Amino acid sequence: MQKSLNGKVALITGGSRGLGASTAEAFAELGADVAISYVASADKAEGVVERLKAKGVRALAIQSDQADTAAASLLVKN
Protein backbone atom coordinates (compact mmCIF):
# COMPACT_ATOMS: atom_id res chain seq x y z
CA MET A 1 0.00 0.00 0.00
CA GLN A 2 1.34 3.43 -0.92
CA LYS A 3 1.46 5.84 2.00
CA SER A 4 -0.22 8.91 0.55
CA LEU A 5 0.73 11.22 3.45
CA ASN A 6 4.49 10.58 3.47
CA GLY A 7 6.30 13.85 4.20
CA LYS A 8 3.21 15.44 5.77
CA VAL A 9 2.59 16.33 9.42
CA ALA A 10 -0.76 16.04 11.18
CA LEU A 11 -1.66 17.86 14.40
CA ILE A 12 -4.41 16.10 16.33
CA THR A 13 -5.87 17.90 19.33
CA GLY A 14 -7.17 15.64 22.07
CA GLY A 15 -5.10 12.80 20.68
CA SER A 16 -4.43 10.89 23.89
CA ARG A 17 -7.62 8.80 23.82
CA GLY A 18 -10.80 7.93 21.98
CA LEU A 19 -11.51 9.44 18.60
CA GLY A 20 -8.41 11.63 18.72
CA ALA A 21 -6.11 8.64 19.27
CA SER A 22 -7.86 6.68 16.51
CA THR A 23 -7.50 9.63 14.14
CA ALA A 24 -3.80 9.96 14.98
CA GLU A 25 -3.28 6.26 14.24
CA ALA A 26 -5.14 6.56 10.92
CA PHE A 27 -2.89 9.44 9.84
CA ALA A 28 0.19 7.43 10.85
CA GLU A 29 -1.04 4.44 8.83
CA LEU A 30 -1.08 6.74 5.79
CA GLY A 31 2.53 7.78 6.49
CA ALA A 32 2.07 11.17 8.18
CA ASP A 33 4.23 12.20 11.11
CA VAL A 34 1.85 13.03 13.95
CA ALA A 35 1.80 15.48 16.85
CA ILE A 36 -0.96 15.06 19.40
CA SER A 37 -2.05 17.35 22.19
CA TYR A 38 -3.40 16.38 25.58
CA VAL A 39 -4.52 18.20 28.70
CA ALA A 40 -3.91 15.84 31.61
CA SER A 41 -3.34 12.28 30.39
CA ALA A 42 0.43 12.25 29.89
CA ASP A 43 0.68 8.46 30.30
CA LYS A 44 -2.06 7.84 27.75
CA ALA A 45 -0.52 10.37 25.36
CA GLU A 46 2.88 8.67 25.58
CA GLY A 47 1.19 5.32 24.91
CA VAL A 48 -0.33 6.72 21.73
CA VAL A 49 3.05 8.18 20.71
CA GLU A 50 4.69 4.76 21.12
CA ARG A 51 1.98 3.12 18.97
CA LEU A 52 2.47 5.78 16.30
CA LYS A 53 6.25 5.36 16.30
CA ALA A 54 5.78 1.61 15.90
CA LYS A 55 4.13 2.40 12.56
CA GLY A 56 7.40 3.97 11.39
CA VAL A 57 6.51 7.66 11.70
CA ARG A 58 7.75 10.45 13.92
CA ALA A 59 5.36 11.26 16.77
CA LEU A 60 5.20 13.80 19.57
CA ALA A 61 2.81 14.55 22.45
CA ILE A 62 2.44 18.14 23.65
CA GLN A 63 0.52 19.20 26.74
CA SER A 64 -1.84 21.98 25.68
CA ASP A 65 -5.38 22.98 26.64
CA GLN A 66 -7.19 24.37 23.59
CA ALA A 67 -9.57 26.26 25.89
CA ASP A 68 -6.56 28.47 26.77
CA THR A 69 -5.70 30.68 23.80
CA ALA A 70 -2.09 31.18 24.90
CA ALA A 71 -1.54 27.43 25.21
CA ALA A 72 -3.03 26.85 21.76
CA SER A 73 -0.59 29.36 20.28
CA LEU A 74 2.37 27.52 21.82
CA LEU A 75 1.08 24.21 20.45
CA VAL A 76 1.19 25.48 16.89
CA LYS A 77 4.71 26.89 17.35
CA ASN A 78 6.01 23.46 18.44
C-alpha atoms as a PDB file:
ATOM      1  CA  MET A   1       0.000   0.000   0.000  1.00  0.00           C
ATOM      2  CA  GLN A   2       1.343   3.425  -0.921  1.00  0.00           C
ATOM      3  CA  LYS A   3       1.457   5.837   1.997  1.00  0.00           C
ATOM      4  CA  SER A   4      -0.223   8.906   0.552  1.00  0.00           C
ATOM      5  CA  LEU A   5       0.726  11.220   3.445  1.00  0.00           C
ATOM      6  CA  ASN A   6       4.489  10.580   3.471  1.00  0.00           C
ATOM      7  CA  GLY A   7       6.301  13.845   4.204  1.00  0.00           C
ATOM      8  CA  LYS A   8       3.213  15.443   5.767  1.00  0.00           C
ATOM      9  CA  VAL A   9       2.593  16.332   9.418  1.00  0.00           C
ATOM     10  CA  ALA A  10      -0.761  16.045  11.184  1.00  0.00           C
ATOM     11  CA  LEU A  11      -1.655  17.858  14.398  1.00  0.00           C
ATOM     12  CA  ILE A  12      -4.408  16.104  16.325  1.00  0.00           C
ATOM     13  CA  THR A  13      -5.866  17.897  19.333  1.00  0.00           C
ATOM     14  CA  GLY A  14      -7.173  15.644  22.069  1.00  0.00           C
ATOM     15  CA  GLY A  15      -5.101  12.799  20.678  1.00  0.00           C
ATOM     16  CA  SER A  16      -4.431  10.888  23.885  1.00  0.00           C
ATOM     17  CA  ARG A  17      -7.618   8.804  23.815  1.00  0.00           C
ATOM     18  CA  GLY A  18     -10.802   7.932  21.982  1.00  0.00           C
ATOM     19  CA  LEU A  19     -11.512   9.442  18.601  1.00  0.00           C
ATOM     20  CA  GLY A  20      -8.406  11.629  18.715  1.00  0.00           C
ATOM     21  CA  ALA A  21      -6.113   8.637  19.272  1.00  0.00           C
ATOM     22  CA  SER A  22      -7.861   6.682  16.510  1.00  0.00           C
ATOM     23  CA  THR A  23      -7.504   9.627  14.137  1.00  0.00           C
ATOM     24  CA  ALA A  24      -3.804   9.955  14.977  1.00  0.00           C
ATOM     25  CA  GLU A  25      -3.282   6.260  14.236  1.00  0.00           C
ATOM     26  CA  ALA A  26      -5.143   6.560  10.921  1.00  0.00           C
ATOM     27  CA  PHE A  27      -2.891   9.439   9.835  1.00  0.00           C
ATOM     28  CA  ALA A  28       0.189   7.431  10.851  1.00  0.00           C
ATOM     29  CA  GLU A  29      -1.044   4.445   8.825  1.00  0.00           C
ATOM     30  CA  LEU A  30      -1.079   6.735   5.795  1.00  0.00           C
ATOM     31  CA  GLY A  31       2.526   7.784   6.489  1.00  0.00           C
ATOM     32  CA  ALA A  32       2.071  11.171   8.180  1.00  0.00           C
ATOM     33  CA  ASP A  33       4.230  12.204  11.106  1.00  0.00           C
ATOM     34  CA  VAL A  34       1.848  13.027  13.948  1.00  0.00           C
ATOM     35  CA  ALA A  35       1.803  15.478  16.848  1.00  0.00           C
ATOM     36  CA  ILE A  36      -0.960  15.063  19.400  1.00  0.00           C
ATOM     37  CA  SER A  37      -2.053  17.354  22.186  1.00  0.00           C
ATOM     38  CA  TYR A  38      -3.401  16.377  25.576  1.00  0.00           C
ATOM     39  CA  VAL A  39      -4.516  18.202  28.695  1.00  0.00           C
ATOM     40  CA  ALA A  40      -3.912  15.837  31.613  1.00  0.00           C
ATOM     41  CA  SER A  41      -3.345  12.278  30.394  1.00  0.00           C
ATOM     42  CA  ALA A  42       0.433  12.250  29.892  1.00  0.00           C
ATOM     43  CA  ASP A  43       0.678   8.464  30.299  1.00  0.00           C
ATOM     44  CA  LYS A  44      -2.064   7.844  27.749  1.00  0.00           C
ATOM     45  CA  ALA A  45      -0.517  10.368  25.363  1.00  0.00           C
ATOM     46  CA  GLU A  46       2.876   8.672  25.580  1.00  0.00           C
ATOM     47  CA  GLY A  47       1.192   5.324  24.913  1.00  0.00           C
ATOM     48  CA  VAL A  48      -0.329   6.724  21.733  1.00  0.00           C
ATOM     49  CA  VAL A  49       3.053   8.179  20.715  1.00  0.00           C
ATOM     50  CA  GLU A  50       4.690   4.764  21.116  1.00  0.00           C
ATOM     51  CA  ARG A  51       1.983   3.122  18.967  1.00  0.00           C
ATOM     52  CA  LEU A  52       2.472   5.784  16.302  1.00  0.00           C
ATOM     53  CA  LYS A  53       6.252   5.364  16.299  1.00  0.00           C
ATOM     54  CA  ALA A  54       5.783   1.612  15.900  1.00  0.00           C
ATOM     55  CA  LYS A  55       4.133   2.404  12.557  1.00  0.00           C
ATOM     56  CA  GLY A  56       7.403   3.973  11.388  1.00  0.00           C
ATOM     57  CA  VAL A  57       6.507   7.662  11.700  1.00  0.00           C
ATOM     58  CA  ARG A  58       7.753  10.452  13.922  1.00  0.00           C
ATOM     59  CA  ALA A  59       5.365  11.263  16.765  1.00  0.00           C
ATOM     60  CA  LEU A  60       5.196  13.795  19.568  1.00  0.00           C
ATOM     61  CA  ALA A  61       2.812  14.550  22.452  1.00  0.00           C
ATOM     62  CA  ILE A  62       2.438  18.139  23.648  1.00  0.00           C
ATOM     63  CA  GLN A  63       0.517  19.201  26.740  1.00  0.00           C
ATOM     64  CA  SER A  64      -1.842  21.984  25.683  1.00  0.00           C
ATOM     65  CA  ASP A  65      -5.384  22.981  26.641  1.00  0.00           C
ATOM     66  CA  GLN A  66      -7.193  24.372  23.593  1.00  0.00           C
ATOM     67  CA  ALA A  67      -9.568  26.265  25.894  1.00  0.00           C
ATOM     68  CA  ASP A  68      -6.556  28.465  26.769  1.00  0.00           C
ATOM     69  CA  THR A  69      -5.698  30.679  23.800  1.00  0.00           C
ATOM     70  CA  ALA A  70      -2.086  31.184  24.903  1.00  0.00           C
ATOM     71  CA  ALA A  71      -1.542  27.426  25.211  1.00  0.00           C
ATOM     72  CA  ALA A  72      -3.026  26.850  21.760  1.00  0.00           C
ATOM     73  CA  SER A  73      -0.589  29.361  20.281  1.00  0.00           C
ATOM     74  CA  LEU A  74       2.371  27.519  21.825  1.00  0.00           C
ATOM     75  CA  LEU A  75       1.076  24.215  20.453  1.00  0.00           C
ATOM     76  CA  VAL A  76       1.190  25.479  16.888  1.00  0.00           C
ATOM     77  CA  LYS A  77       4.707  26.893  17.345  1.00  0.00           C
ATOM     78  CA  ASN A  78       6.009  23.459  18.444  1.00  0.00           C
END
